[in-house]
């Protein structure tokens, strides 16, 4: 079955161009030119990935992303005509999986989409881990804390996977950047810190008294969860 991609962008010309281009790669494309219509289509169409413009009328893309993240873990790629680092940080903090400044090459967008789909479909050799309250099922991509489900974005799940696979080892930023290649982290290092902060928050992990992710000052981060 074709992957469904929802494009939420008030630029009708760009939307049509993306629709034609993405269909050429076998994707089914749904379009929305207004944020409210886009949010409605998220519920009705259950897309596999969302391409979301930041600059839109009545409601900007940041607010749309926040509302999507309140109920869904669907991968989100944000587009913006503004390439400031601050905007990218805000997008990542709200749960975006990737960020692409306009103008962009359509092929680069496709590469980002393909990378996200590859990662979301990957599985580890060991399918299930338990760490005293934290349960991770790689086969179903489900994460629970004390029996309650946690919605992680693709990037957050990939980061947690990397930590679990490297349990007990110190991972510096360069290692994390290299392992998460395919996401546009390399353009601004602080994005890794934002991503780790987001993951910690969802896991309820206090950086000052960590159960899972420990900051190794001057070195990087280490997963310290004890498997049960």
N, C-alpha and C. Protein backbone atom coordinates (compact mmCIF):
# COMPACT_ATOMS: atom_id res chain seq x y z
N UNK A 1 0.84 -1.19 0.00
CA UNK A 1 0.00 0.00 0.00
C UNK A 1 0.88 1.24 0.00
N UNK A 2 0.53 2.24 -0.84
CA UNK A 2 1.29 3.48 -0.91
C UNK A 2 1.27 4.21 0.43
N UNK A 3 2.41 4.79 0.78
CA UNK A 3 2.48 5.64 1.96
C UNK A 3 1.71 6.92 1.67
N UNK A 4 0.92 7.37 2.64
CA UNK A 4 0.14 8.59 2.48
C UNK A 4 0.89 9.77 3.10
N UNK A 5 1.07 10.82 2.31
CA UNK A 5 1.74 12.03 2.78
C UNK A 5 0.77 13.20 2.72
N UNK A 6 0.61 13.88 3.84
CA UNK A 6 -0.24 15.06 3.91
C UNK A 6 0.63 16.30 3.82
N UNK A 7 0.34 17.17 2.83
CA UNK A 7 1.06 18.44 2.67
C UNK A 7 0.15 19.55 3.15
N UNK A 8 0.56 20.25 4.21
CA UNK A 8 -0.20 21.39 4.73
C UNK A 8 0.60 22.65 4.41
N UNK A 9 0.17 23.36 3.39
CA UNK A 9 0.89 24.55 2.90
C UNK A 9 -0.09 25.43 2.16
N UNK A 10 -0.12 26.73 2.46
CA UNK A 10 -1.07 27.63 1.80
C UNK A 10 -0.63 28.02 0.39
N UNK A 11 0.58 27.62 0.00
CA UNK A 11 1.07 27.88 -1.35
C UNK A 11 0.54 26.77 -2.27
N UNK A 12 -0.55 27.07 -2.97
CA UNK A 12 -1.21 26.05 -3.80
C UNK A 12 -0.30 25.55 -4.92
N UNK A 13 0.49 26.45 -5.48
CA UNK A 13 1.39 26.06 -6.56
C UNK A 13 2.43 25.06 -6.06
N UNK A 14 3.02 25.35 -4.90
CA UNK A 14 4.01 24.44 -4.34
C UNK A 14 3.35 23.11 -3.99
N UNK A 15 2.15 23.16 -3.45
CA UNK A 15 1.44 21.93 -3.10
C UNK A 15 1.22 21.04 -4.31
N UNK A 16 0.84 21.66 -5.42
CA UNK A 16 0.61 20.88 -6.64
C UNK A 16 1.90 20.29 -7.18
N UNK A 17 2.98 21.08 -7.12
CA UNK A 17 4.27 20.59 -7.59
C UNK A 17 4.75 19.42 -6.73
N UNK A 18 4.58 19.54 -5.41
CA UNK A 18 4.99 18.46 -4.52
C UNK A 18 4.14 17.21 -4.75
N UNK A 19 2.85 17.42 -4.98
CA UNK A 19 1.97 16.29 -5.24
C UNK A 19 2.44 15.51 -6.45
N UNK A 20 2.71 16.21 -7.54
CA UNK A 20 3.15 15.55 -8.77
C UNK A 20 4.50 14.86 -8.57
N UNK A 21 5.41 15.55 -7.88
CA UNK A 21 6.76 15.00 -7.69
C UNK A 21 6.73 13.78 -6.79
N UNK A 22 6.02 13.86 -5.67
CA UNK A 22 5.98 12.75 -4.71
C UNK A 22 5.24 11.54 -5.26
N UNK A 23 4.23 11.80 -6.08
CA UNK A 23 3.52 10.69 -6.71
C UNK A 23 4.45 9.90 -7.62
N UNK A 24 5.43 10.59 -8.18
CA UNK A 24 6.41 9.92 -9.03
C UNK A 24 7.27 8.93 -8.28
N UNK A 25 7.30 9.06 -6.95
CA UNK A 25 8.06 8.13 -6.11
C UNK A 25 7.15 7.12 -5.42
N UNK A 26 5.90 7.07 -5.86
CA UNK A 26 4.98 6.07 -5.35
C UNK A 26 4.21 6.46 -4.11
N UNK A 27 4.25 7.75 -3.74
CA UNK A 27 3.52 8.18 -2.56
C UNK A 27 2.14 8.70 -2.93
N UNK A 28 1.18 8.47 -2.06
CA UNK A 28 -0.16 9.04 -2.21
C UNK A 28 -0.17 10.36 -1.46
N UNK A 29 -0.61 11.44 -2.13
CA UNK A 29 -0.51 12.78 -1.55
C UNK A 29 -1.88 13.38 -1.27
N UNK A 30 -2.03 13.92 -0.07
CA UNK A 30 -3.23 14.64 0.33
C UNK A 30 -2.80 16.08 0.58
N UNK A 31 -3.60 17.06 0.16
CA UNK A 31 -3.21 18.46 0.30
C UNK A 31 -4.22 19.22 1.16
N UNK A 32 -3.70 20.20 1.90
CA UNK A 32 -4.54 21.12 2.65
C UNK A 32 -3.87 22.48 2.59
N UNK A 33 -4.63 23.51 2.26
CA UNK A 33 -4.06 24.85 2.12
C UNK A 33 -4.36 25.74 3.32
N UNK A 34 -5.10 25.21 4.29
CA UNK A 34 -5.41 25.98 5.49
C UNK A 34 -5.13 25.10 6.70
N UNK A 35 -4.57 25.67 7.78
CA UNK A 35 -4.22 24.88 8.96
C UNK A 35 -5.38 24.07 9.54
N UNK A 36 -6.55 24.67 9.62
CA UNK A 36 -7.70 23.97 10.19
C UNK A 36 -8.07 22.76 9.34
N UNK A 37 -8.05 22.95 8.02
CA UNK A 37 -8.34 21.83 7.11
C UNK A 37 -7.26 20.76 7.24
N UNK A 38 -6.01 21.21 7.43
CA UNK A 38 -4.92 20.25 7.60
C UNK A 38 -5.10 19.39 8.84
N UNK A 39 -5.47 20.02 9.96
CA UNK A 39 -5.70 19.27 11.20
C UNK A 39 -6.86 18.29 11.04
N UNK A 40 -7.88 18.72 10.29
CA UNK A 40 -9.03 17.84 10.05
C UNK A 40 -8.59 16.62 9.25
N UNK A 41 -7.74 16.85 8.24
CA UNK A 41 -7.27 15.73 7.41
C UNK A 41 -6.35 14.79 8.17
N UNK A 42 -5.63 15.31 9.16
CA UNK A 42 -4.81 14.44 10.00
C UNK A 42 -5.70 13.39 10.66
N UNK A 43 -6.86 13.83 11.16
CA UNK A 43 -7.78 12.92 11.84
C UNK A 43 -8.49 11.99 10.86
N UNK A 44 -8.91 12.54 9.72
CA UNK A 44 -9.70 11.75 8.77
C UNK A 44 -8.87 10.79 7.94
N UNK A 45 -7.68 11.22 7.54
CA UNK A 45 -6.88 10.46 6.58
C UNK A 45 -5.79 9.60 7.21
N UNK A 46 -5.43 9.90 8.47
CA UNK A 46 -4.38 9.15 9.15
C UNK A 46 -3.14 8.99 8.27
N UNK A 47 -2.50 10.10 7.89
CA UNK A 47 -1.34 10.02 6.98
C UNK A 47 -0.15 9.36 7.65
N UNK A 48 0.78 8.87 6.82
CA UNK A 48 2.00 8.24 7.32
C UNK A 48 3.08 9.27 7.61
N UNK A 49 2.96 10.45 6.99
CA UNK A 49 3.94 11.52 7.20
C UNK A 49 3.28 12.84 6.85
N UNK A 50 3.70 13.92 7.53
CA UNK A 50 3.12 15.25 7.29
C UNK A 50 4.23 16.22 6.92
N UNK A 51 4.02 16.93 5.82
CA UNK A 51 4.90 18.04 5.43
C UNK A 51 4.17 19.32 5.80
N UNK A 52 4.76 20.11 6.67
CA UNK A 52 4.05 21.23 7.28
C UNK A 52 4.81 22.55 7.10
N UNK A 53 4.14 23.52 6.49
CA UNK A 53 4.74 24.84 6.31
C UNK A 53 4.61 25.64 7.60
N UNK A 54 5.60 26.47 7.91
CA UNK A 54 5.54 27.29 9.12
C UNK A 54 4.68 28.53 8.91
N UNK A 55 4.88 29.22 7.80
CA UNK A 55 4.20 30.50 7.56
C UNK A 55 2.86 30.26 6.87
N UNK A 56 1.78 30.29 7.67
CA UNK A 56 0.43 30.11 7.13
C UNK A 56 -0.53 31.09 7.78
N UNK A 57 -1.66 31.37 7.13
CA UNK A 57 -2.63 32.32 7.70
C UNK A 57 -3.39 31.73 8.88
N UNK A 58 -3.76 32.60 9.83
CA UNK A 58 -4.62 32.26 10.98
C UNK A 58 -3.94 31.41 12.05
N UNK A 59 -3.08 30.50 11.63
CA UNK A 59 -2.41 29.64 12.61
C UNK A 59 -1.07 29.20 12.00
N UNK A 60 0.03 29.50 12.67
CA UNK A 60 1.32 29.13 12.07
C UNK A 60 1.61 27.64 12.26
N UNK A 61 2.63 27.19 11.55
CA UNK A 61 2.96 25.78 11.56
C UNK A 61 3.38 25.27 12.92
N UNK A 62 3.96 26.14 13.75
CA UNK A 62 4.36 25.71 15.08
C UNK A 62 3.14 25.28 15.91
N UNK A 63 2.08 26.09 15.83
CA UNK A 63 0.86 25.75 16.57
C UNK A 63 0.22 24.49 15.99
N UNK A 64 0.25 24.36 14.66
CA UNK A 64 -0.30 23.15 14.04
C UNK A 64 0.47 21.92 14.51
N UNK A 65 1.80 22.04 14.55
CA UNK A 65 2.64 20.92 15.00
C UNK A 65 2.32 20.58 16.46
N UNK A 66 2.15 21.59 17.29
CA UNK A 66 1.83 21.35 18.70
C UNK A 66 0.52 20.58 18.82
N UNK A 67 -0.48 20.95 18.03
CA UNK A 67 -1.78 20.27 18.10
C UNK A 67 -1.70 18.84 17.57
N UNK A 68 -0.91 18.66 16.51
CA UNK A 68 -0.72 17.30 15.99
C UNK A 68 -0.07 16.43 17.05
N UNK A 69 0.97 16.96 17.70
CA UNK A 69 1.71 16.18 18.69
C UNK A 69 0.91 15.87 19.95
N UNK A 70 -0.17 16.60 20.19
CA UNK A 70 -0.98 16.32 21.37
C UNK A 70 -1.70 14.98 21.26
N UNK A 71 -1.88 14.49 20.02
CA UNK A 71 -2.62 13.24 19.82
C UNK A 71 -1.92 12.24 18.91
N UNK A 72 -0.89 12.65 18.17
CA UNK A 72 -0.32 11.77 17.15
C UNK A 72 1.21 11.79 17.19
N UNK A 73 1.82 10.67 16.81
CA UNK A 73 3.29 10.58 16.69
C UNK A 73 3.72 10.54 15.23
N UNK A 74 2.80 10.86 14.32
CA UNK A 74 3.09 10.86 12.88
C UNK A 74 4.33 11.71 12.59
N UNK A 75 5.28 11.22 11.80
CA UNK A 75 6.46 12.02 11.46
C UNK A 75 6.07 13.34 10.80
N UNK A 76 6.73 14.42 11.20
CA UNK A 76 6.47 15.76 10.66
C UNK A 76 7.76 16.37 10.15
N UNK A 77 7.73 16.81 8.89
CA UNK A 77 8.84 17.59 8.32
C UNK A 77 8.33 19.02 8.16
N UNK A 78 9.00 19.97 8.78
CA UNK A 78 8.57 21.37 8.70
C UNK A 78 9.33 22.11 7.60
N UNK A 79 8.59 22.96 6.88
CA UNK A 79 9.16 23.80 5.83
C UNK A 79 9.05 25.26 6.24
N UNK A 80 10.06 26.05 5.93
CA UNK A 80 9.96 27.47 6.25
C UNK A 80 10.80 28.29 5.29
N UNK A 81 10.33 29.50 5.04
CA UNK A 81 11.10 30.44 4.22
C UNK A 81 12.17 31.10 5.07
N UNK A 82 12.03 30.95 6.39
CA UNK A 82 13.01 31.50 7.32
C UNK A 82 13.92 30.39 7.80
N UNK A 83 15.21 30.59 7.66
CA UNK A 83 16.14 29.52 8.01
C UNK A 83 16.85 29.72 9.33
N UNK A 84 16.33 30.65 10.20
CA UNK A 84 17.01 30.93 11.44
C UNK A 84 17.07 29.70 12.35
N UNK A 85 18.17 29.59 13.08
CA UNK A 85 18.35 28.48 14.00
C UNK A 85 17.24 28.47 15.04
N UNK A 86 16.82 29.65 15.50
CA UNK A 86 15.77 29.73 16.52
C UNK A 86 14.50 29.03 16.05
N UNK A 87 14.11 29.26 14.80
CA UNK A 87 12.91 28.62 14.27
C UNK A 87 13.06 27.10 14.25
N UNK A 88 14.23 26.64 13.90
CA UNK A 88 14.46 25.20 13.85
C UNK A 88 14.37 24.59 15.25
N UNK A 89 14.96 25.29 16.22
CA UNK A 89 14.92 24.81 17.59
C UNK A 89 13.48 24.72 18.08
N UNK A 90 12.68 25.76 17.79
CA UNK A 90 11.27 25.76 18.21
C UNK A 90 10.55 24.57 17.59
N UNK A 91 10.78 24.34 16.30
CA UNK A 91 10.13 23.22 15.62
C UNK A 91 10.49 21.88 16.25
N UNK A 92 11.76 21.69 16.57
CA UNK A 92 12.20 20.44 17.18
C UNK A 92 11.62 20.28 18.59
N UNK A 93 11.57 21.38 19.33
CA UNK A 93 11.02 21.32 20.68
C UNK A 93 9.55 20.94 20.66
N UNK A 94 8.85 21.33 19.60
CA UNK A 94 7.43 21.01 19.49
C UNK A 94 7.19 19.60 18.97
N UNK A 95 8.25 18.93 18.53
CA UNK A 95 8.11 17.54 18.12
C UNK A 95 8.29 17.26 16.64
N UNK A 96 8.77 18.25 15.86
CA UNK A 96 9.04 17.98 14.45
C UNK A 96 10.18 16.97 14.33
N UNK A 97 10.14 16.13 13.29
CA UNK A 97 11.18 15.13 13.08
C UNK A 97 12.31 15.65 12.22
N UNK A 98 12.02 16.61 11.37
CA UNK A 98 13.04 17.17 10.50
C UNK A 98 12.59 18.56 10.08
N UNK A 99 13.52 19.31 9.48
CA UNK A 99 13.29 20.72 9.18
C UNK A 99 14.00 21.05 7.87
N UNK A 100 13.29 21.64 6.93
CA UNK A 100 13.88 21.95 5.62
C UNK A 100 13.55 23.39 5.24
N UNK A 101 14.56 24.25 5.14
CA UNK A 101 14.29 25.65 4.78
C UNK A 101 14.00 25.81 3.29
N UNK A 102 13.08 26.71 2.96
CA UNK A 102 12.81 27.05 1.56
C UNK A 102 13.82 28.09 1.10
N UNK A 103 14.16 28.09 -0.18
CA UNK A 103 13.79 27.09 -1.19
C UNK A 103 14.62 25.82 -1.01
N UNK A 104 14.07 24.69 -1.46
CA UNK A 104 14.77 23.42 -1.31
C UNK A 104 14.65 22.63 -2.60
N UNK A 105 15.55 21.68 -2.76
CA UNK A 105 15.48 20.78 -3.90
C UNK A 105 14.49 19.67 -3.58
N UNK A 106 13.50 19.42 -4.43
CA UNK A 106 12.52 18.36 -4.15
C UNK A 106 13.17 17.01 -3.87
N UNK A 107 14.28 16.74 -4.52
CA UNK A 107 14.94 15.44 -4.31
C UNK A 107 15.47 15.32 -2.88
N UNK A 108 15.89 16.46 -2.31
CA UNK A 108 16.35 16.43 -0.92
C UNK A 108 15.19 16.12 0.01
N UNK A 109 14.03 16.69 -0.28
CA UNK A 109 12.84 16.39 0.52
C UNK A 109 12.51 14.90 0.45
N UNK A 110 12.57 14.34 -0.73
CA UNK A 110 12.30 12.91 -0.89
C UNK A 110 13.30 12.08 -0.10
N UNK A 111 14.57 12.50 -0.11
CA UNK A 111 15.59 11.77 0.64
C UNK A 111 15.28 11.79 2.14
N UNK A 112 14.80 12.94 2.63
CA UNK A 112 14.44 13.04 4.04
C UNK A 112 13.25 12.12 4.35
N UNK A 113 12.27 12.13 3.46
CA UNK A 113 11.08 11.28 3.64
C UNK A 113 11.48 9.81 3.66
N UNK A 114 12.29 9.40 2.70
CA UNK A 114 12.70 8.01 2.61
C UNK A 114 13.49 7.59 3.84
N UNK A 115 14.33 8.49 4.36
CA UNK A 115 15.11 8.19 5.55
C UNK A 115 14.20 7.97 6.75
N UNK A 116 13.20 8.82 6.90
CA UNK A 116 12.27 8.67 8.03
C UNK A 116 11.50 7.36 7.92
N UNK A 117 11.04 7.03 6.73
CA UNK A 117 10.29 5.78 6.56
C UNK A 117 11.18 4.56 6.80
N UNK A 118 12.44 4.63 6.38
CA UNK A 118 13.36 3.51 6.63
C UNK A 118 13.55 3.32 8.13
N UNK A 119 13.73 4.41 8.82
CA UNK A 119 13.98 4.34 10.25
C UNK A 119 12.75 3.86 11.02
N UNK A 120 11.60 4.35 10.63
CA UNK A 120 10.37 3.96 11.34
C UNK A 120 10.01 2.51 11.06
N UNK A 121 10.54 1.95 9.97
CA UNK A 121 10.24 0.56 9.65
C UNK A 121 11.31 -0.42 10.10
N UNK A 122 12.41 0.10 10.67
CA UNK A 122 13.51 -0.77 11.07
C UNK A 122 13.20 -1.47 12.38
N UNK A 123 13.86 -2.60 12.60
CA UNK A 123 13.66 -3.39 13.82
C UNK A 123 15.03 -3.79 14.36
N UNK A 124 15.11 -3.95 15.64
CA UNK A 124 16.34 -4.39 16.27
C UNK A 124 16.33 -5.92 16.38
N UNK A 125 17.51 -6.49 16.61
CA UNK A 125 17.60 -7.94 16.74
C UNK A 125 16.80 -8.40 17.95
N UNK A 126 16.98 -7.71 19.09
CA UNK A 126 16.18 -8.00 20.27
C UNK A 126 14.96 -7.09 20.21
N UNK A 127 13.77 -7.67 20.35
CA UNK A 127 12.56 -6.91 20.11
C UNK A 127 11.98 -6.21 21.33
N UNK A 128 12.41 -6.63 22.52
CA UNK A 128 11.77 -6.06 23.71
C UNK A 128 12.78 -5.85 24.83
N UNK A 129 12.67 -4.69 25.49
CA UNK A 129 13.52 -4.38 26.64
C UNK A 129 12.66 -3.83 27.77
N UNK A 130 13.03 -4.18 29.00
CA UNK A 130 12.37 -3.62 30.18
C UNK A 130 13.44 -3.05 31.10
N UNK A 131 13.20 -1.82 31.57
CA UNK A 131 14.15 -1.14 32.44
C UNK A 131 13.44 -0.60 33.68
N UNK A 132 12.83 -1.46 34.45
CA UNK A 132 12.21 -1.03 35.69
C UNK A 132 11.21 0.09 35.52
N UNK A 133 10.17 -0.15 34.77
CA UNK A 133 9.15 0.86 34.52
C UNK A 133 9.11 1.28 33.07
N UNK A 134 10.28 1.35 32.44
CA UNK A 134 10.36 1.70 31.02
C UNK A 134 10.37 0.42 30.19
N UNK A 135 9.40 0.29 29.30
CA UNK A 135 9.29 -0.88 28.44
C UNK A 135 9.33 -0.43 26.98
N UNK A 136 10.20 -1.06 26.20
CA UNK A 136 10.37 -0.69 24.79
C UNK A 136 10.19 -1.93 23.93
N UNK A 137 9.23 -1.88 23.01
CA UNK A 137 8.98 -2.98 22.08
C UNK A 137 9.36 -2.50 20.68
N UNK A 138 10.47 -3.03 20.16
CA UNK A 138 10.95 -2.57 18.86
C UNK A 138 10.12 -3.11 17.70
N UNK A 139 9.49 -4.25 17.88
CA UNK A 139 8.69 -4.83 16.80
C UNK A 139 7.48 -3.96 16.49
N UNK A 140 6.88 -3.40 17.55
CA UNK A 140 5.67 -2.58 17.35
C UNK A 140 5.95 -1.09 17.51
N UNK A 141 7.20 -0.74 17.84
CA UNK A 141 7.57 0.65 18.10
C UNK A 141 6.72 1.25 19.22
N UNK A 142 6.45 0.45 20.25
CA UNK A 142 5.68 0.93 21.38
C UNK A 142 6.58 1.13 22.59
N UNK A 143 6.37 2.25 23.27
CA UNK A 143 7.12 2.57 24.47
C UNK A 143 6.13 2.88 25.58
N UNK A 144 6.32 2.26 26.74
CA UNK A 144 5.45 2.53 27.87
C UNK A 144 6.28 2.86 29.10
N UNK A 145 5.71 3.68 29.96
CA UNK A 145 6.35 4.01 31.24
C UNK A 145 5.35 3.71 32.33
N UNK A 146 5.69 2.77 33.20
CA UNK A 146 4.80 2.34 34.28
C UNK A 146 3.44 1.93 33.73
N UNK A 147 3.45 1.28 32.57
CA UNK A 147 2.22 0.78 31.97
C UNK A 147 1.46 1.77 31.12
N UNK A 148 1.91 3.02 31.09
CA UNK A 148 1.24 4.05 30.30
C UNK A 148 1.99 4.30 29.00
N UNK A 149 1.27 4.30 27.87
CA UNK A 149 1.90 4.49 26.58
C UNK A 149 2.52 5.87 26.42
N UNK A 150 3.66 5.94 25.77
CA UNK A 150 4.35 7.20 25.48
C UNK A 150 4.45 7.36 23.97
N UNK A 151 4.01 8.48 23.46
CA UNK A 151 4.09 8.75 22.03
C UNK A 151 5.43 9.41 21.71
N UNK A 152 6.30 8.70 21.01
CA UNK A 152 7.58 9.25 20.59
C UNK A 152 7.58 9.54 19.10
N UNK A 153 8.22 10.63 18.70
CA UNK A 153 8.39 10.90 17.28
C UNK A 153 9.43 9.92 16.73
N UNK A 154 9.54 9.87 15.41
CA UNK A 154 10.53 8.97 14.80
C UNK A 154 11.94 9.28 15.30
N UNK A 155 12.29 10.57 15.36
CA UNK A 155 13.63 10.95 15.81
C UNK A 155 13.85 10.56 17.26
N UNK A 156 12.84 10.76 18.11
CA UNK A 156 12.96 10.41 19.52
C UNK A 156 13.13 8.90 19.69
N UNK A 157 12.36 8.12 18.93
CA UNK A 157 12.46 6.67 19.02
C UNK A 157 13.83 6.19 18.55
N UNK A 158 14.33 6.81 17.48
CA UNK A 158 15.66 6.42 16.98
C UNK A 158 16.74 6.75 18.00
N UNK A 159 16.60 7.88 18.69
CA UNK A 159 17.58 8.25 19.71
C UNK A 159 17.52 7.27 20.87
N UNK A 160 16.33 6.92 21.32
CA UNK A 160 16.19 5.94 22.41
C UNK A 160 16.77 4.60 21.99
N UNK A 161 16.53 4.19 20.75
CA UNK A 161 17.09 2.94 20.23
C UNK A 161 18.61 2.97 20.28
N UNK A 162 19.19 4.10 19.86
CA UNK A 162 20.65 4.25 19.88
C UNK A 162 21.19 4.13 21.30
N UNK A 163 20.52 4.78 22.25
CA UNK A 163 20.97 4.70 23.64
C UNK A 163 20.91 3.27 24.17
N UNK A 164 19.81 2.58 23.89
CA UNK A 164 19.64 1.21 24.39
C UNK A 164 20.68 0.28 23.78
N UNK A 165 20.93 0.43 22.48
CA UNK A 165 21.93 -0.40 21.80
C UNK A 165 23.33 -0.12 22.32
N UNK A 166 23.53 1.10 22.89
CA UNK A 166 24.86 1.50 23.37
C UNK A 166 24.88 1.65 24.88
N UNK A 167 23.99 0.92 25.56
CA UNK A 167 23.86 1.04 27.02
C UNK A 167 25.21 0.91 27.72
N UNK A 168 25.48 1.86 28.62
CA UNK A 168 26.72 1.83 29.38
C UNK A 168 27.87 2.55 28.70
N UNK A 169 27.71 2.90 27.44
CA UNK A 169 28.77 3.59 26.69
C UNK A 169 28.47 5.09 26.64
N UNK A 170 29.50 5.89 26.69
CA UNK A 170 29.33 7.34 26.55
C UNK A 170 29.25 7.69 25.07
N UNK A 171 28.18 8.37 24.68
CA UNK A 171 27.99 8.81 23.30
C UNK A 171 28.19 10.32 23.22
N UNK A 172 29.22 10.74 22.47
CA UNK A 172 29.39 12.18 22.31
C UNK A 172 28.49 12.68 21.18
N UNK A 173 28.41 13.99 21.03
CA UNK A 173 27.50 14.57 20.04
C UNK A 173 27.85 14.13 18.62
N UNK A 174 29.14 14.04 18.32
CA UNK A 174 29.54 13.63 16.97
C UNK A 174 29.04 12.22 16.65
N UNK A 175 29.13 11.32 17.64
CA UNK A 175 28.66 9.94 17.43
C UNK A 175 27.16 9.94 17.20
N UNK A 176 26.43 10.70 18.00
CA UNK A 176 24.97 10.76 17.85
C UNK A 176 24.60 11.35 16.50
N UNK A 177 25.28 12.42 16.11
CA UNK A 177 25.03 13.04 14.80
C UNK A 177 25.25 12.03 13.68
N UNK A 178 26.32 11.27 13.78
CA UNK A 178 26.64 10.30 12.74
C UNK A 178 25.61 9.17 12.69
N UNK A 179 25.19 8.69 13.85
CA UNK A 179 24.23 7.59 13.91
C UNK A 179 22.84 8.02 13.46
N UNK A 180 22.50 9.28 13.68
CA UNK A 180 21.18 9.78 13.28
C UNK A 180 21.25 10.50 11.94
N UNK A 181 22.23 10.14 11.13
CA UNK A 181 22.34 10.76 9.80
C UNK A 181 21.06 10.49 9.01
N UNK A 182 20.71 11.46 8.21
CA UNK A 182 19.43 11.38 7.50
C UNK A 182 18.48 12.41 8.06
N UNK A 183 18.69 12.76 9.35
CA UNK A 183 18.00 13.90 9.92
C UNK A 183 18.96 15.09 9.81
N UNK A 184 18.43 16.30 9.70
CA UNK A 184 19.28 17.46 9.46
C UNK A 184 19.84 18.03 10.77
N UNK A 185 20.49 17.15 11.57
CA UNK A 185 21.02 17.63 12.83
C UNK A 185 22.33 18.39 12.63
N UNK A 186 23.05 18.10 11.56
CA UNK A 186 24.40 18.62 11.42
C UNK A 186 24.45 20.13 11.24
N UNK A 187 23.32 20.75 10.87
CA UNK A 187 23.35 22.17 10.63
C UNK A 187 23.38 22.98 11.91
N UNK A 188 23.03 22.38 13.02
CA UNK A 188 23.13 23.11 14.28
C UNK A 188 23.18 22.10 15.44
N UNK A 189 24.34 22.07 16.11
CA UNK A 189 24.62 21.07 17.13
C UNK A 189 23.61 21.07 18.27
N UNK A 190 23.08 22.22 18.62
CA UNK A 190 22.20 22.29 19.78
C UNK A 190 20.95 21.43 19.59
N UNK A 191 20.64 21.08 18.35
CA UNK A 191 19.46 20.27 18.09
C UNK A 191 19.53 18.93 18.80
N UNK A 192 20.73 18.37 18.95
CA UNK A 192 20.88 17.10 19.66
C UNK A 192 20.47 17.27 21.12
N UNK A 193 20.89 18.39 21.73
CA UNK A 193 20.52 18.65 23.12
C UNK A 193 19.01 18.82 23.25
N UNK A 194 18.40 19.48 22.27
CA UNK A 194 16.94 19.66 22.29
C UNK A 194 16.25 18.31 22.19
N UNK A 195 16.73 17.47 21.30
CA UNK A 195 16.13 16.14 21.12
C UNK A 195 16.25 15.30 22.38
N UNK A 196 17.42 15.33 23.01
CA UNK A 196 17.62 14.58 24.25
C UNK A 196 16.74 15.13 25.36
N UNK A 197 16.61 16.45 25.44
CA UNK A 197 15.75 17.07 26.43
C UNK A 197 14.30 16.64 26.24
N UNK A 198 13.86 16.58 24.98
CA UNK A 198 12.50 16.16 24.67
C UNK A 198 12.26 14.71 25.08
N UNK A 199 13.24 13.85 24.80
CA UNK A 199 13.12 12.44 25.15
C UNK A 199 13.09 12.27 26.66
N UNK A 200 13.96 12.98 27.36
CA UNK A 200 13.98 12.91 28.82
C UNK A 200 12.63 13.33 29.41
N UNK A 201 12.08 14.39 28.87
CA UNK A 201 10.81 14.89 29.38
C UNK A 201 9.71 13.84 29.24
N UNK A 202 9.67 13.18 28.09
CA UNK A 202 8.64 12.17 27.85
C UNK A 202 8.84 10.93 28.73
N UNK A 203 10.10 10.65 29.06
CA UNK A 203 10.39 9.50 29.93
C UNK A 203 10.27 9.86 31.41
N UNK A 204 10.05 11.15 31.70
CA UNK A 204 9.98 11.59 33.09
C UNK A 204 11.33 11.45 33.78
N UNK A 205 12.40 11.65 33.02
CA UNK A 205 13.76 11.44 33.53
C UNK A 205 14.37 12.77 33.96
N UNK A 206 14.65 12.93 35.23
CA UNK A 206 15.22 14.15 35.77
C UNK A 206 16.73 14.18 35.51
N UNK A 207 17.24 15.17 34.73
CA UNK A 207 18.67 15.23 34.42
C UNK A 207 19.55 15.30 35.67
N UNK A 208 19.00 15.87 36.76
CA UNK A 208 19.79 16.01 37.99
C UNK A 208 19.85 14.69 38.77
N UNK A 209 18.87 13.84 38.56
CA UNK A 209 18.84 12.54 39.22
C UNK A 209 18.31 11.50 38.23
N UNK A 210 19.08 11.22 37.18
CA UNK A 210 18.59 10.41 36.05
C UNK A 210 18.43 8.93 36.38
N UNK A 211 17.41 8.34 35.78
CA UNK A 211 17.21 6.89 35.83
C UNK A 211 17.69 6.24 34.54
N UNK A 212 17.69 7.01 33.45
CA UNK A 212 17.97 6.42 32.13
C UNK A 212 19.10 7.11 31.38
N UNK A 213 19.03 8.43 31.22
CA UNK A 213 20.01 9.15 30.41
C UNK A 213 20.82 10.09 31.30
N UNK A 214 22.10 9.80 31.42
CA UNK A 214 22.98 10.59 32.27
C UNK A 214 23.89 11.48 31.43
N UNK A 215 23.98 12.75 31.81
CA UNK A 215 24.90 13.67 31.15
C UNK A 215 26.30 13.45 31.70
N UNK A 216 27.23 13.19 30.81
CA UNK A 216 28.63 13.03 31.18
C UNK A 216 29.33 14.33 30.79
N UNK A 217 29.46 15.23 31.74
CA UNK A 217 29.92 16.59 31.44
C UNK A 217 31.25 16.58 30.70
N UNK A 218 31.27 17.29 29.57
CA UNK A 218 32.46 17.38 28.73
C UNK A 218 32.67 16.19 27.82
N UNK A 219 31.80 15.16 27.96
CA UNK A 219 31.97 13.95 27.15
C UNK A 219 30.76 13.62 26.29
N UNK A 220 29.55 13.73 26.84
CA UNK A 220 28.36 13.38 26.08
C UNK A 220 27.27 12.84 26.99
N UNK A 221 26.66 11.73 26.57
CA UNK A 221 25.54 11.15 27.32
C UNK A 221 25.71 9.64 27.41
N UNK A 222 25.12 9.05 28.45
CA UNK A 222 25.22 7.61 28.63
C UNK A 222 23.86 7.07 29.11
N UNK A 223 23.43 5.95 28.53
CA UNK A 223 22.20 5.29 28.98
C UNK A 223 22.54 4.40 30.16
N UNK A 224 21.89 4.65 31.31
CA UNK A 224 22.23 3.94 32.54
C UNK A 224 21.07 3.07 33.06
N UNK A 225 20.01 2.92 32.24
CA UNK A 225 18.89 2.09 32.66
C UNK A 225 19.32 0.65 32.92
N UNK A 226 18.81 0.05 33.98
CA UNK A 226 19.15 -1.32 34.33
C UNK A 226 18.07 -2.26 33.84
N UNK A 227 18.44 -3.16 32.95
CA UNK A 227 17.48 -4.09 32.37
C UNK A 227 17.00 -5.10 33.42
N UNK A 228 15.70 -5.40 33.39
CA UNK A 228 15.13 -6.37 34.33
C UNK A 228 14.55 -7.55 33.57
